[in-house]
C-alpha atoms as a PDB file:
ATOM      1  CA  MET A   1     122.860  57.388  81.659  1.00  0.00           C
ATOM      2  CA  SER A   2     122.407  59.213  84.961  1.00  0.00           C
ATOM      3  CA  GLU A   3     119.257  58.281  86.848  1.00  0.00           C
ATOM      4  CA  GLY A   4     119.654  60.670  89.761  1.00  0.00           C
ATOM      5  CA  PHE A   5     120.778  64.179  90.573  1.00  0.00           C
ATOM      6  CA  SER A   6     121.604  66.576  87.765  1.00  0.00           C
ATOM      7  CA  GLU A   7     122.974  70.085  87.601  1.00  0.00           C
ATOM      8  CA  SER A   8     124.178  72.255  84.750  1.00  0.00           C
ATOM      9  CA  ILE A   9     127.878  72.270  84.061  1.00  0.00           C
ATOM     10  CA  GLU A  10     127.841  76.060  83.883  1.00  0.00           C
ATOM     11  CA  SER A  11     126.771  76.291  87.519  1.00  0.00           C
ATOM     12  CA  LEU A  12     129.872  74.530  88.793  1.00  0.00           C
ATOM     13  CA  PRO A  13     132.717  76.813  89.912  1.00  0.00           C
ATOM     14  CA  THR A  14     135.664  76.808  87.531  1.00  0.00           C
ATOM     15  CA  GLY A  15     137.924  75.987  90.474  1.00  0.00           C
ATOM     16  CA  VAL A  16     136.076  72.708  91.139  1.00  0.00           C
ATOM     17  CA  LEU A  17     136.289  71.683  87.494  1.00  0.00           C
ATOM     18  CA  GLU A  18     139.992  72.515  87.378  1.00  0.00           C
ATOM     19  CA  GLU A  19     140.761  70.578  90.541  1.00  0.00           C
ATOM     20  CA  MET A  20     139.016  67.505  89.151  1.00  0.00           C
ATOM     21  CA  TYR A  21     140.869  67.891  85.852  1.00  0.00           C
ATOM     22  CA  VAL A  22     144.195  68.102  87.703  1.00  0.00           C
ATOM     23  CA  THR A  23     143.386  64.980  89.707  1.00  0.00           C
ATOM     24  CA  MET A  24     142.306  62.999  86.657  1.00  0.00           C
ATOM     25  CA  LEU A  25     145.277  64.033  84.556  1.00  0.00           C
ATOM     26  CA  LYS A  26     147.673  63.287  87.413  1.00  0.00           C
ATOM     27  CA  ILE A  27     146.257  59.772  87.654  1.00  0.00           C
ATOM     28  CA  ARG A  28     146.484  59.247  83.876  1.00  0.00           C
ATOM     29  CA  LEU A  29     150.055  60.528  83.557  1.00  0.00           C
ATOM     30  CA  PHE A  30     151.183  58.477  86.531  1.00  0.00           C
ATOM     31  CA  GLU A  31     149.570  55.323  85.167  1.00  0.00           C
ATOM     32  CA  GLU A  32     151.155  55.870  81.749  1.00  0.00           C
ATOM     33  CA  LYS A  33     154.575  56.165  83.376  1.00  0.00           C
ATOM     34  CA  VAL A  34     153.932  52.995  85.368  1.00  0.00           C
ATOM     35  CA  ALA A  35     152.858  51.180  82.181  1.00  0.00           C
ATOM     36  CA  GLU A  36     156.179  52.111  80.581  1.00  0.00           C
ATOM     37  CA  ARG A  37     158.106  50.688  83.540  1.00  0.00           C
ATOM     38  CA  LEU A  38     156.015  47.526  83.490  1.00  0.00           C
ATOM     39  CA  TYR A  39     156.860  46.969  79.825  1.00  0.00           C
ATOM     40  CA  GLU A  40     160.537  47.462  80.659  1.00  0.00           C
ATOM     41  CA  LYS A  41     160.177  45.056  83.626  1.00  0.00           C
ATOM     42  CA  GLU A  42     161.520  47.648  86.049  1.00  0.00           C
ATOM     43  CA  ILE A  43     158.313  47.192  88.046  1.00  0.00           C
ATOM     44  CA  ILE A  44     157.668  43.517  88.718  1.00  0.00           C
ATOM     45  CA  CYS A  45     154.853  43.539  91.277  1.00  0.00           C
ATOM     46  CA  PRO A  46     151.314  42.914  89.919  1.00  0.00           C
ATOM     47  CA  VAL A  47     149.707  46.210  88.889  1.00  0.00           C
ATOM     48  CA  HIS A  48     146.051  46.856  88.016  1.00  0.00           C
ATOM     49  CA  LEU A  49     145.906  50.136  86.109  1.00  0.00           C
ATOM     50  CA  TYR A  50     143.086  52.683  86.447  1.00  0.00           C
ATOM     51  CA  VAL A  51     143.295  54.200  82.952  1.00  0.00           C
ATOM     52  CA  GLY A  52     139.826  55.137  81.699  1.00  0.00           C
ATOM     53  CA  GLN A  53     138.157  55.283  85.110  1.00  0.00           C
ATOM     54  CA  GLU A  54     139.685  58.524  86.438  1.00  0.00           C
ATOM     55  CA  ALA A  55     136.434  60.513  86.629  1.00  0.00           C
ATOM     56  CA  ILE A  56     135.047  58.304  89.396  1.00  0.00           C
ATOM     57  CA  ALA A  57     137.838  58.742  91.928  1.00  0.00           C
ATOM     58  CA  ALA A  58     138.118  62.456  91.140  1.00  0.00           C
ATOM     59  CA  GLY A  59     134.382  63.158  91.243  1.00  0.00           C
ATOM     60  CA  VAL A  60     133.802  61.375  94.552  1.00  0.00           C
ATOM     61  CA  CYS A  61     136.925  62.476  96.413  1.00  0.00           C
ATOM     62  CA  GLN A  62     136.426  66.105  95.396  1.00  0.00           C
ATOM     63  CA  ASN A  63     133.521  66.091  97.865  1.00  0.00           C
ATOM     64  CA  LEU A  64     135.446  64.589 100.799  1.00  0.00           C
ATOM     65  CA  ASN A  65     137.283  66.174 103.686  1.00  0.00           C
ATOM     66  CA  ILE A  66     140.834  65.131 104.416  1.00  0.00           C
ATOM     67  CA  ASP A  67     139.715  63.182 107.491  1.00  0.00           C
ATOM     68  CA  ASP A  68     136.940  61.297 105.702  1.00  0.00           C
ATOM     69  CA  TYR A  69     137.832  57.657 105.135  1.00  0.00           C
ATOM     70  CA  VAL A  70     138.491  55.944 101.810  1.00  0.00           C
ATOM     71  CA  PHE A  71     138.962  52.192 101.360  1.00  0.00           C
ATOM     72  CA  SER A  72     140.176  50.902  98.028  1.00  0.00           C
ATOM     73  CA  THR A  73     140.676  47.788  95.922  1.00  0.00           C
ATOM     74  CA  HIS A  74     143.418  46.023  93.994  1.00  0.00           C
ATOM     75  CA  ARG A  75     142.916  48.763  91.321  1.00  0.00           C
ATOM     76  CA  SER A  76     144.051  51.299  93.851  1.00  0.00           C
ATOM     77  CA  HIS A  77     146.219  54.059  92.378  1.00  0.00           C
ATOM     78  CA  GLY A  78     143.389  56.364  91.288  1.00  0.00           C
ATOM     79  CA  HIS A  79     141.711  56.411  94.693  1.00  0.00           C
ATOM     80  CA  TYR A  80     145.030  56.928  96.477  1.00  0.00           C
ATOM     81  CA  ILE A  81     145.947  59.901  94.287  1.00  0.00           C
ATOM     82  CA  ALA A  82     142.456  61.435  94.357  1.00  0.00           C
ATOM     83  CA  LYS A  83     142.414  61.336  98.176  1.00  0.00           C
ATOM     84  CA  GLY A  84     145.745  63.182  98.296  1.00  0.00           C
ATOM     85  CA  GLY A  85     148.364  60.446  98.575  1.00  0.00           C
ATOM     86  CA  GLY A  86     151.878  61.440  97.473  1.00  0.00           C
ATOM     87  CA  LEU A  87     153.178  60.381  94.054  1.00  0.00           C
ATOM     88  CA  LYS A  88     156.712  59.837  95.304  1.00  0.00           C
ATOM     89  CA  GLU A  89     155.551  57.454  98.019  1.00  0.00           C
ATOM     90  CA  LEU A  90     153.312  55.631  95.560  1.00  0.00           C
ATOM     91  CA  MET A  91     155.979  55.153  92.903  1.00  0.00           C
ATOM     92  CA  ALA A  92     158.478  54.023  95.535  1.00  0.00           C
ATOM     93  CA  GLU A  93     155.979  51.438  96.795  1.00  0.00           C
ATOM     94  CA  LEU A  94     155.588  49.957  93.322  1.00  0.00           C
ATOM     95  CA  TYR A  95     159.359  49.466  93.230  1.00  0.00           C
ATOM     96  CA  GLY A  96     159.423  47.970  96.711  1.00  0.00           C
ATOM     97  CA  LYS A  97     161.530  50.792  98.140  1.00  0.00           C
ATOM     98  CA  GLU A  98     161.620  51.645 101.846  1.00  0.00           C
ATOM     99  CA  THR A  99     160.382  55.185 101.085  1.00  0.00           C
ATOM    100  CA  GLY A 100     157.134  53.755  99.748  1.00  0.00           C
ATOM    101  CA  CYS A 101     153.824  54.498 101.422  1.00  0.00           C
ATOM    102  CA  SER A 102     153.782  50.922 102.784  1.00  0.00           C
ATOM    103  CA  LYS A 103     157.540  50.871 103.396  1.00  0.00           C
ATOM    104  CA  GLY A 104     158.078  48.772 100.259  1.00  0.00           C
ATOM    105  CA  LYS A 105     156.218  45.804 101.711  1.00  0.00           C
ATOM    106  CA  GLY A 106     152.764  46.242 100.190  1.00  0.00           C
ATOM    107  CA  GLY A 107     153.171  46.836  96.477  1.00  0.00           C
ATOM    108  CA  SER A 108     150.452  48.149  94.197  1.00  0.00           C
ATOM    109  CA  MET A 109     147.537  46.402  95.886  1.00  0.00           C
ATOM    110  CA  HIS A 110     148.325  47.312  99.503  1.00  0.00           C
ATOM    111  CA  LEU A 111     148.680  51.082  99.680  1.00  0.00           C
ATOM    112  CA  VAL A 112     148.053  53.256 102.711  1.00  0.00           C
ATOM    113  CA  ALA A 113     148.096  56.977 103.512  1.00  0.00           C
ATOM    114  CA  PRO A 114     146.182  57.532 106.768  1.00  0.00           C
ATOM    115  CA  GLU A 115     147.455  61.115 106.987  1.00  0.00           C
ATOM    116  CA  VAL A 116     144.995  62.006 104.196  1.00  0.00           C
ATOM    117  CA  GLY A 117     142.252  59.539 105.165  1.00  0.00           C
ATOM    118  CA  TYR A 118     143.251  56.848 102.699  1.00  0.00           C
ATOM    119  CA  MET A 119     143.004  53.899 105.051  1.00  0.00           C
ATOM    120  CA  GLY A 120     144.205  51.224 102.697  1.00  0.00           C
ATOM    121  CA  SER A 121     143.561  49.003  99.717  1.00  0.00           C
ATOM    122  CA  SER A 122     142.982  45.270  99.688  1.00  0.00           C
ATOM    123  CA  ALA A 123     143.759  42.555  97.164  1.00  0.00           C
ATOM    124  CA  ILE A 124     140.795  40.569  98.491  1.00  0.00           C
ATOM    125  CA  VAL A 125     137.762  41.237  96.306  1.00  0.00           C
ATOM    126  CA  ALA A 126     135.141  42.974  98.504  1.00  0.00           C
ATOM    127  CA  GLY A 127     137.558  42.764 101.454  1.00  0.00           C
ATOM    128  CA  ASN A 128     137.643  46.541 101.824  1.00  0.00           C
ATOM    129  CA  ILE A 129     133.863  46.925 102.162  1.00  0.00           C
ATOM    130  CA  PRO A 130     133.511  45.635 105.756  1.00  0.00           C
ATOM    131  CA  LEU A 131     136.518  47.744 106.730  1.00  0.00           C
ATOM    132  CA  ALA A 132     134.742  50.851 105.488  1.00  0.00           C
ATOM    133  CA  LEU A 133     131.656  49.677 107.341  1.00  0.00           C
ATOM    134  CA  GLY A 134     133.723  49.529 110.537  1.00  0.00           C
ATOM    135  CA  THR A 135     134.881  53.130 110.342  1.00  0.00           C
ATOM    136  CA  ALA A 136     131.316  54.156 109.474  1.00  0.00           C
ATOM    137  CA  PHE A 137     130.116  52.388 112.617  1.00  0.00           C
ATOM    138  CA  SER A 138     132.770  54.242 114.584  1.00  0.00           C
ATOM    139  CA  GLY A 139     131.710  57.537 113.055  1.00  0.00           C
ATOM    140  CA  LYS A 140     128.100  56.861 113.953  1.00  0.00           C
ATOM    141  CA  LEU A 141     128.965  56.053 117.576  1.00  0.00           C
ATOM    142  CA  LEU A 142     131.321  59.011 117.983  1.00  0.00           C
ATOM    143  CA  GLY A 143     129.156  61.446 116.069  1.00  0.00           C
ATOM    144  CA  ASN A 144     132.263  62.904 114.430  1.00  0.00           C
ATOM    145  CA  GLY A 145     130.614  63.711 111.089  1.00  0.00           C
ATOM    146  CA  LYS A 146     133.093  61.645 109.066  1.00  0.00           C
ATOM    147  CA  VAL A 147     132.002  59.798 105.946  1.00  0.00           C
ATOM    148  CA  SER A 148     133.430  56.438 104.877  1.00  0.00           C
ATOM    149  CA  VAL A 149     133.752  55.507 101.205  1.00  0.00           C
ATOM    150  CA  ALA A 150     134.082  51.970  99.861  1.00  0.00           C
ATOM    151  CA  PHE A 151     135.231  51.814  96.236  1.00  0.00           C
ATOM    152  CA  PHE A 152     134.818  48.437  94.539  1.00  0.00           C
ATOM    153  CA  GLY A 153     134.259  46.853  91.152  1.00  0.00           C
ATOM    154  CA  ASP A 154     131.232  44.937  89.924  1.00  0.00           C
ATOM    155  CA  GLY A 155     133.082  41.718  90.796  1.00  0.00           C
ATOM    156  CA  ALA A 156     132.691  42.545  94.489  1.00  0.00           C
ATOM    157  CA  THR A 157     128.928  42.311  94.135  1.00  0.00           C
ATOM    158  CA  ASP A 158     129.369  38.545  93.669  1.00  0.00           C
ATOM    159  CA  GLU A 159     130.544  38.213  97.275  1.00  0.00           C
ATOM    160  CA  GLY A 160     128.307  37.483 100.248  1.00  0.00           C
ATOM    161  CA  VAL A 161     129.973  40.065 102.453  1.00  0.00           C
ATOM    162  CA  PHE A 162     128.806  42.780 100.056  1.00  0.00           C
ATOM    163  CA  TYR A 163     125.161  41.990 100.835  1.00  0.00           C
ATOM    164  CA  GLU A 164     125.816  41.646 104.549  1.00  0.00           C
ATOM    165  CA  CYS A 165     127.373  45.117 104.599  1.00  0.00           C
ATOM    166  CA  LEU A 166     124.452  46.655 102.707  1.00  0.00           C
ATOM    167  CA  ASN A 167     122.082  45.262 105.315  1.00  0.00           C
ATOM    168  CA  ILE A 168     124.093  46.460 108.333  1.00  0.00           C
ATOM    169  CA  ALA A 169     124.687  49.908 106.811  1.00  0.00           C
ATOM    170  CA  SER A 170     120.984  50.362 106.200  1.00  0.00           C
ATOM    171  CA  LEU A 171     119.875  48.874 109.521  1.00  0.00           C
ATOM    172  CA  TYR A 172     121.992  51.288 111.555  1.00  0.00           C
ATOM    173  CA  LYS A 173     121.891  54.218 109.090  1.00  0.00           C
ATOM    174  CA  LEU A 174     125.669  54.341 108.909  1.00  0.00           C
ATOM    175  CA  PRO A 175     127.548  57.252 107.274  1.00  0.00           C
ATOM    176  CA  ILE A 176     128.926  55.291 104.315  1.00  0.00           C
ATOM    177  CA  ILE A 177     128.767  55.671 100.558  1.00  0.00           C
ATOM    178  CA  PHE A 178     129.195  52.573  98.403  1.00  0.00           C
ATOM    179  CA  VAL A 179     130.789  53.353  95.027  1.00  0.00           C
ATOM    180  CA  CYS A 180     130.624  50.535  92.481  1.00  0.00           C
ATOM    181  CA  GLU A 181     132.962  51.115  89.546  1.00  0.00           C
ATOM    182  CA  ASN A 182     131.160  48.901  87.056  1.00  0.00           C
ATOM    183  CA  ASN A 183     133.719  48.473  84.279  1.00  0.00           C
ATOM    184  CA  LEU A 184     131.609  45.661  82.796  1.00  0.00           C
ATOM    185  CA  PHE A 185     133.992  42.811  83.587  1.00  0.00           C
ATOM    186  CA  SER A 186     135.125  40.928  86.670  1.00  0.00           C
ATOM    187  CA  THR A 187     138.522  39.887  85.337  1.00  0.00           C
ATOM    188  CA  HIS A 188     137.161  38.364  82.097  1.00  0.00           C
ATOM    189  CA  LEU A 189     133.470  37.742  82.849  1.00  0.00           C
ATOM    190  CA  PRO A 190     130.600  40.249  82.486  1.00  0.00           C
ATOM    191  CA  ILE A 191     128.094  40.445  85.307  1.00  0.00           C
ATOM    192  CA  SER A 192     125.399  38.853  83.106  1.00  0.00           C
ATOM    193  CA  MET A 193     127.400  35.604  83.103  1.00  0.00           C
ATOM    194  CA  ARG A 194     127.865  35.659  86.878  1.00  0.00           C
ATOM    195  CA  GLN A 195     124.526  36.712  88.315  1.00  0.00           C
ATOM    196  CA  ALA A 196     120.986  35.623  87.451  1.00  0.00           C
ATOM    197  CA  ASN A 197     119.830  39.226  87.905  1.00  0.00           C
ATOM    198  CA  PRO A 198     122.569  41.706  86.929  1.00  0.00           C
ATOM    199  CA  ASP A 199     120.513  44.778  87.921  1.00  0.00           C
ATOM    200  CA  LEU A 200     122.272  46.127  91.015  1.00  0.00           C
ATOM    201  CA  SER A 201     119.582  48.719  91.664  1.00  0.00           C
ATOM    202  CA  MET A 202     117.063  46.059  92.698  1.00  0.00           C
ATOM    203  CA  LYS A 203     119.493  44.530  95.203  1.00  0.00           C
ATOM    204  CA  VAL A 204     120.515  47.839  96.728  1.00  0.00           C
ATOM    205  CA  LYS A 205     116.973  49.214  96.941  1.00  0.00           C
ATOM    206  CA  ALA A 206     115.877  45.946  98.556  1.00  0.00           C
ATOM    207  CA  ASN A 207     118.044  47.048 101.480  1.00  0.00           C
ATOM    208  CA  SER A 208     116.356  50.481 101.546  1.00  0.00           C
ATOM    209  CA  ILE A 209     119.494  52.297 100.384  1.00  0.00           C
ATOM    210  CA  PRO A 210     119.244  55.226  97.922  1.00  0.00           C
ATOM    211  CA  PHE A 211     120.690  54.176  94.558  1.00  0.00           C
ATOM    212  CA  VAL A 212     121.895  56.176  91.554  1.00  0.00           C
ATOM    213  CA  ARG A 213     123.398  54.854  88.329  1.00  0.00           C
ATOM    214  CA  VAL A 214     125.597  57.456  86.666  1.00  0.00           C
ATOM    215  CA  ASP A 215     127.928  57.854  83.690  1.00  0.00           C
ATOM    216  CA  GLY A 216     131.260  57.057  85.309  1.00  0.00           C
ATOM    217  CA  ASN A 217     133.165  58.772  82.494  1.00  0.00           C
ATOM    218  CA  ASP A 218     131.522  62.098  83.278  1.00  0.00           C
ATOM    219  CA  ALA A 219     133.324  63.685  86.222  1.00  0.00           C
ATOM    220  CA  VAL A 220     130.660  66.380  86.583  1.00  0.00           C
ATOM    221  CA  ALA A 221     127.869  63.803  86.835  1.00  0.00           C
ATOM    222  CA  VAL A 222     129.844  61.804  89.398  1.00  0.00           C
ATOM    223  CA  TYR A 223     130.685  64.942  91.371  1.00  0.00           C
ATOM    224  CA  ASN A 224     127.104  66.220  91.473  1.00  0.00           C
ATOM    225  CA  THR A 225     125.673  62.849  92.472  1.00  0.00           C
ATOM    226  CA  ALA A 226     128.298  62.233  95.153  1.00  0.00           C
ATOM    227  CA  ARG A 227     127.866  65.763  96.541  1.00  0.00           C
ATOM    228  CA  LYS A 228     124.122  65.359  97.025  1.00  0.00           C
ATOM    229  CA  MET A 229     124.529  61.931  98.579  1.00  0.00           C
ATOM    230  CA  ILE A 230     127.341  62.941 100.917  1.00  0.00           C
ATOM    231  CA  GLU A 231     125.349  65.953 102.122  1.00  0.00           C
ATOM    232  CA  LYS A 232     122.493  63.633 103.078  1.00  0.00           C
ATOM    233  CA  ILE A 233     124.874  61.195 104.769  1.00  0.00           C
ATOM    234  CA  ARG A 234     126.416  63.993 106.865  1.00  0.00           C
ATOM    235  CA  ASN A 235     122.900  64.982 107.883  1.00  0.00           C
ATOM    236  CA  GLY A 236     122.371  61.556 109.388  1.00  0.00           C
ATOM    237  CA  GLU A 237     120.179  60.100 106.643  1.00  0.00           C
ATOM    238  CA  GLY A 238     122.211  56.906 106.358  1.00  0.00           C
ATOM    239  CA  PRO A 239     124.085  55.177 103.534  1.00  0.00           C
ATOM    240  CA  ALA A 240     123.933  55.740  99.775  1.00  0.00           C
ATOM    241  CA  PHE A 241     125.035  53.830  96.679  1.00  0.00           C
ATOM    242  CA  ILE A 242     126.420  55.015  93.323  1.00  0.00           C
ATOM    243  CA  GLU A 243     126.898  52.663  90.394  1.00  0.00           C
ATOM    244  CA  CYS A 244     129.368  54.319  88.013  1.00  0.00           C
ATOM    245  CA  MET A 245     129.319  52.810  84.510  1.00  0.00           C
ATOM    246  CA  THR A 246     132.809  52.887  83.043  1.00  0.00           C
ATOM    247  CA  PHE A 247     135.472  50.834  81.248  1.00  0.00           C
ATOM    248  CA  ARG A 248     139.110  50.027  81.846  1.00  0.00           C
ATOM    249  CA  TRP A 249     141.213  50.576  78.754  1.00  0.00           C
ATOM    250  CA  LEU A 250     143.871  48.023  79.598  1.00  0.00           C
ATOM    251  CA  ALA A 251     144.084  44.444  80.816  1.00  0.00           C
ATOM    252  CA  HIS A 252     142.693  43.314  84.154  1.00  0.00           C
ATOM    253  CA  VAL A 253     146.300  43.288  85.334  1.00  0.00           C
ATOM    254  CA  GLY A 254     149.296  44.745  83.519  1.00  0.00           C
ATOM    255  CA  PRO A 255     149.841  47.320  80.753  1.00  0.00           C
ATOM    256  CA  THR A 256     148.585  45.471  77.644  1.00  0.00           C
ATOM    257  CA  PRO A 257     145.232  45.989  75.864  1.00  0.00           C
ATOM    258  CA  ASP A 258     144.714  42.170  76.111  1.00  0.00           C
ATOM    259  CA  LEU A 259     142.470  42.054  73.045  1.00  0.00           C
ATOM    260  CA  ASP A 260     144.116  38.767  72.115  1.00  0.00           C
ATOM    261  CA  VAL A 261     142.380  37.080  75.058  1.00  0.00           C
ATOM    262  CA  GLY A 262     139.063  37.383  73.247  1.00  0.00           C
ATOM    263  CA  TYR A 263     136.697  38.307  76.067  1.00  0.00           C
ATOM    264  CA  ARG A 264     136.040  41.823  74.771  1.00  0.00           C
ATOM    265  CA  LYS A 265     135.866  43.348  71.312  1.00  0.00           C
ATOM    266  CA  LYS A 266     138.144  45.961  69.773  1.00  0.00           C
ATOM    267  CA  LYS A 267     135.162  48.105  68.760  1.00  0.00           C
ATOM    268  CA  ASP A 268     133.998  48.243  72.374  1.00  0.00           C
ATOM    269  CA  VAL A 269     137.413  49.357  73.592  1.00  0.00           C
ATOM    270  CA  GLU A 270     137.539  52.016  70.872  1.00  0.00           C
ATOM    271  CA  TYR A 271     134.022  53.210  71.796  1.00  0.00           C
ATOM    272  CA  TRP A 272     135.008  53.779  75.412  1.00  0.00           C
ATOM    273  CA  MET A 273     138.324  55.383  74.494  1.00  0.00           C
ATOM    274  CA  GLU A 274     136.381  57.889  72.400  1.00  0.00           C
ATOM    275  CA  ARG A 275     134.464  58.699  75.593  1.00  0.00           C
ATOM    276  CA  CYS A 276     137.703  59.547  77.419  1.00  0.00           C
ATOM    277  CA  PRO A 277     136.775  61.211  80.742  1.00  0.00           C
ATOM    278  CA  ILE A 278     139.767  63.553  80.624  1.00  0.00           C
ATOM    279  CA  LYS A 279     138.960  64.833  77.133  1.00  0.00           C
ATOM    280  CA  LYS A 280     135.390  65.400  78.284  1.00  0.00           C
ATOM    281  CA  ILE A 281     136.259  67.584  81.276  1.00  0.00           C
ATOM    282  CA  ARG A 282     138.946  69.418  79.317  1.00  0.00           C
ATOM    283  CA  SER A 283     136.323  70.303  76.723  1.00  0.00           C
ATOM    284  CA  VAL A 284     134.074  71.627  79.482  1.00  0.00           C
ATOM    285  CA  LEU A 285     136.851  73.823  80.872  1.00  0.00           C
ATOM    286  CA  THR A 286     137.816  75.320  77.511  1.00  0.00           C
ATOM    287  CA  LYS A 287     134.208  76.443  77.067  1.00  0.00           C
ATOM    288  CA  LYS A 288     134.383  78.469  80.275  1.00  0.00           C
ATOM    289  CA  LYS A 289     134.794  82.185  79.801  1.00  0.00           C
ATOM    290  CA  ASP A 290     138.331  83.510  80.256  1.00  0.00           C
ATOM    291  CA  TYR A 291     139.745  79.964  80.512  1.00  0.00           C
ATOM    292  CA  SER A 292     142.434  79.249  77.943  1.00  0.00           C
ATOM    293  CA  SER A 293     143.742  75.959  76.606  1.00  0.00           C
ATOM    294  CA  ARG A 294     147.196  77.347  77.359  1.00  0.00           C
ATOM    295  CA  LYS A 295     146.450  77.116  81.074  1.00  0.00           C
ATOM    296  CA  LEU A 296     145.536  73.452  80.633  1.00  0.00           C
ATOM    297  CA  ASP A 297     148.791  72.871  78.764  1.00  0.00           C
ATOM    298  CA  ASP A 298     150.700  74.477  81.644  1.00  0.00           C
ATOM    299  CA  ILE A 299     148.935  72.180  84.096  1.00  0.00           C
ATOM    300  CA  GLU A 300     149.916  69.128  82.047  1.00  0.00           C
ATOM    301  CA  LYS A 301     153.518  70.276  81.890  1.00  0.00           C
ATOM    302  CA  ARG A 302     153.613  70.724  85.680  1.00  0.00           C
ATOM    303  CA  LEU A 303     152.072  67.327  86.331  1.00  0.00           C
ATOM    304  CA  LYS A 304     154.449  65.561  83.960  1.00  0.00           C
ATOM    305  CA  LYS A 305     157.305  67.076  85.935  1.00  0.00           C
ATOM    306  CA  GLU A 306     155.752  65.865  89.195  1.00  0.00           C
ATOM    307  CA  VAL A 307     155.445  62.329  87.840  1.00  0.00           C
ATOM    308  CA  GLU A 308     159.026  62.371  86.612  1.00  0.00           C
ATOM    309  CA  GLU A 309     160.213  63.604  89.997  1.00  0.00           C
ATOM    310  CA  SER A 310     158.438  60.682  91.647  1.00  0.00           C
ATOM    311  CA  PHE A 311     160.399  58.320  89.433  1.00  0.00           C
ATOM    312  CA  GLU A 312     163.708  60.054  90.196  1.00  0.00           C
ATOM    313  CA  PHE A 313     162.906  59.955  93.923  1.00  0.00           C
ATOM    314  CA  THR A 314     162.235  56.237  93.670  1.00  0.00           C
ATOM    315  CA  LYS A 315     165.442  55.465  91.797  1.00  0.00           C
ATOM    316  CA  ALA A 316     167.424  57.250  94.508  1.00  0.00           C
ATOM    317  CA  SER A 317     165.665  55.364  97.325  1.00  0.00           C
ATOM    318  CA  ASN A 318     166.914  52.216  99.029  1.00  0.00           C
ATOM    319  CA  TYR A 319     165.295  48.828  99.322  1.00  0.00           C
ATOM    320  CA  PRO A 320     164.240  47.793 102.838  1.00  0.00           C
ATOM    321  CA  ASN A 321     166.959  46.363 105.042  1.00  0.00           C
ATOM    322  CA  SER A 322     166.476  42.620 105.510  1.00  0.00           C
ATOM    323  CA  GLN A 323     167.011  43.089 109.239  1.00  0.00           C
ATOM    324  CA  ASN A 324     163.810  45.154 109.334  1.00  0.00           C
ATOM    325  CA  LEU A 325     161.776  42.602 107.424  1.00  0.00           C
ATOM    326  CA  LEU A 326     159.263  42.084 110.232  1.00  0.00           C
ATOM    327  CA  ARG A 327     159.123  45.681 111.388  1.00  0.00           C
ATOM    328  CA  HIS A 328     155.557  47.038 111.365  1.00  0.00           C
ATOM    329  CA  ALA A 329     154.263  43.449 111.255  1.00  0.00           C
ATOM    330  CA  ILE A 330     152.123  41.774 113.894  1.00  0.00           C
ATOM    331  CA  ASN A 331     153.214  38.668 115.779  1.00  0.00           C
ATOM    332  CA  THR A 332     151.069  35.792 117.019  1.00  0.00           C
ATOM    333  CA  GLU A 333     150.403  37.629 120.298  1.00  0.00           C
ATOM    334  CA  SER A 334     148.950  40.590 118.379  1.00  0.00           C
ATOM    335  CA  GLU A 335     151.773  42.901 119.386  1.00  0.00           C
ATOM    336  CA  VAL A 336     153.344  45.227 116.869  1.00  0.00           C
ATOM    337  CA  ILE A 337     156.953  44.220 116.186  1.00  0.00           C
ATOM    338  CA  GLN A 338     159.116  47.322 116.395  1.00  0.00           C
END
């Protein structure tokens, strides 16, 4: 499926593969725990789960520095975790606790962790793209070498602002990488039912931006492609675009498979589940010399403990005090309310 950069798996350092595996498994285990709590109605805020798409966040963010900028979407947990956001703060935010990363006021779709370069997620489809463009403009003017990343789904390519941002990024050769997580559906509609020409490559190349379509379930392919592109961006060559073909296992929102809705077929879901990105990278690691499956089992055990600790931390945390409801908000005179 890849149409761009390639490199043998054997040439990648074992440490890089292991770090991506840890990131992907952490995302999966966290999302599974969240799904349990959604079923039990302990978590009541809307949640868009990232299960099945873990290779994209891990493969891209593995190439970023801590002070590079990431802007995310309503399906935000994977990007937050891959960029280094804390599990405890994330779980607490889903419960609306004051120890959450957004102080319990943002919920699943409005996360933030600027200390690790995760500048925020937006519930507005394509709303994060111009924000990433802004930090890229800043980076260009300051010459600070930082790269901005805009993650978005194929639904964002329906929006006018998407095309405006492609044009500006190309015109000024901004240090930004656009990452489209094409999971084949915008809520319940495939791109072929929304756009007269569903081929994104033609639209991106029309703006003179390098484009690569890659298997989004292959963390190594995503990593290699992102690495090459980010190197070029840091060298001042301007923006780049990756279309990562993938599939979400669960509903657009919530923990159910939603096969009863009828917009996708069971055989298609089963096909993509067989192509599980975590199983794929685990298989790669076990083929490495002197790398045992026992080590992978130990990693899973450690991560399960970390996820459970995030839940225990959340249960012990308090809800925000009503007297501080407007704290960190902005009033009509654009002054931060303390």
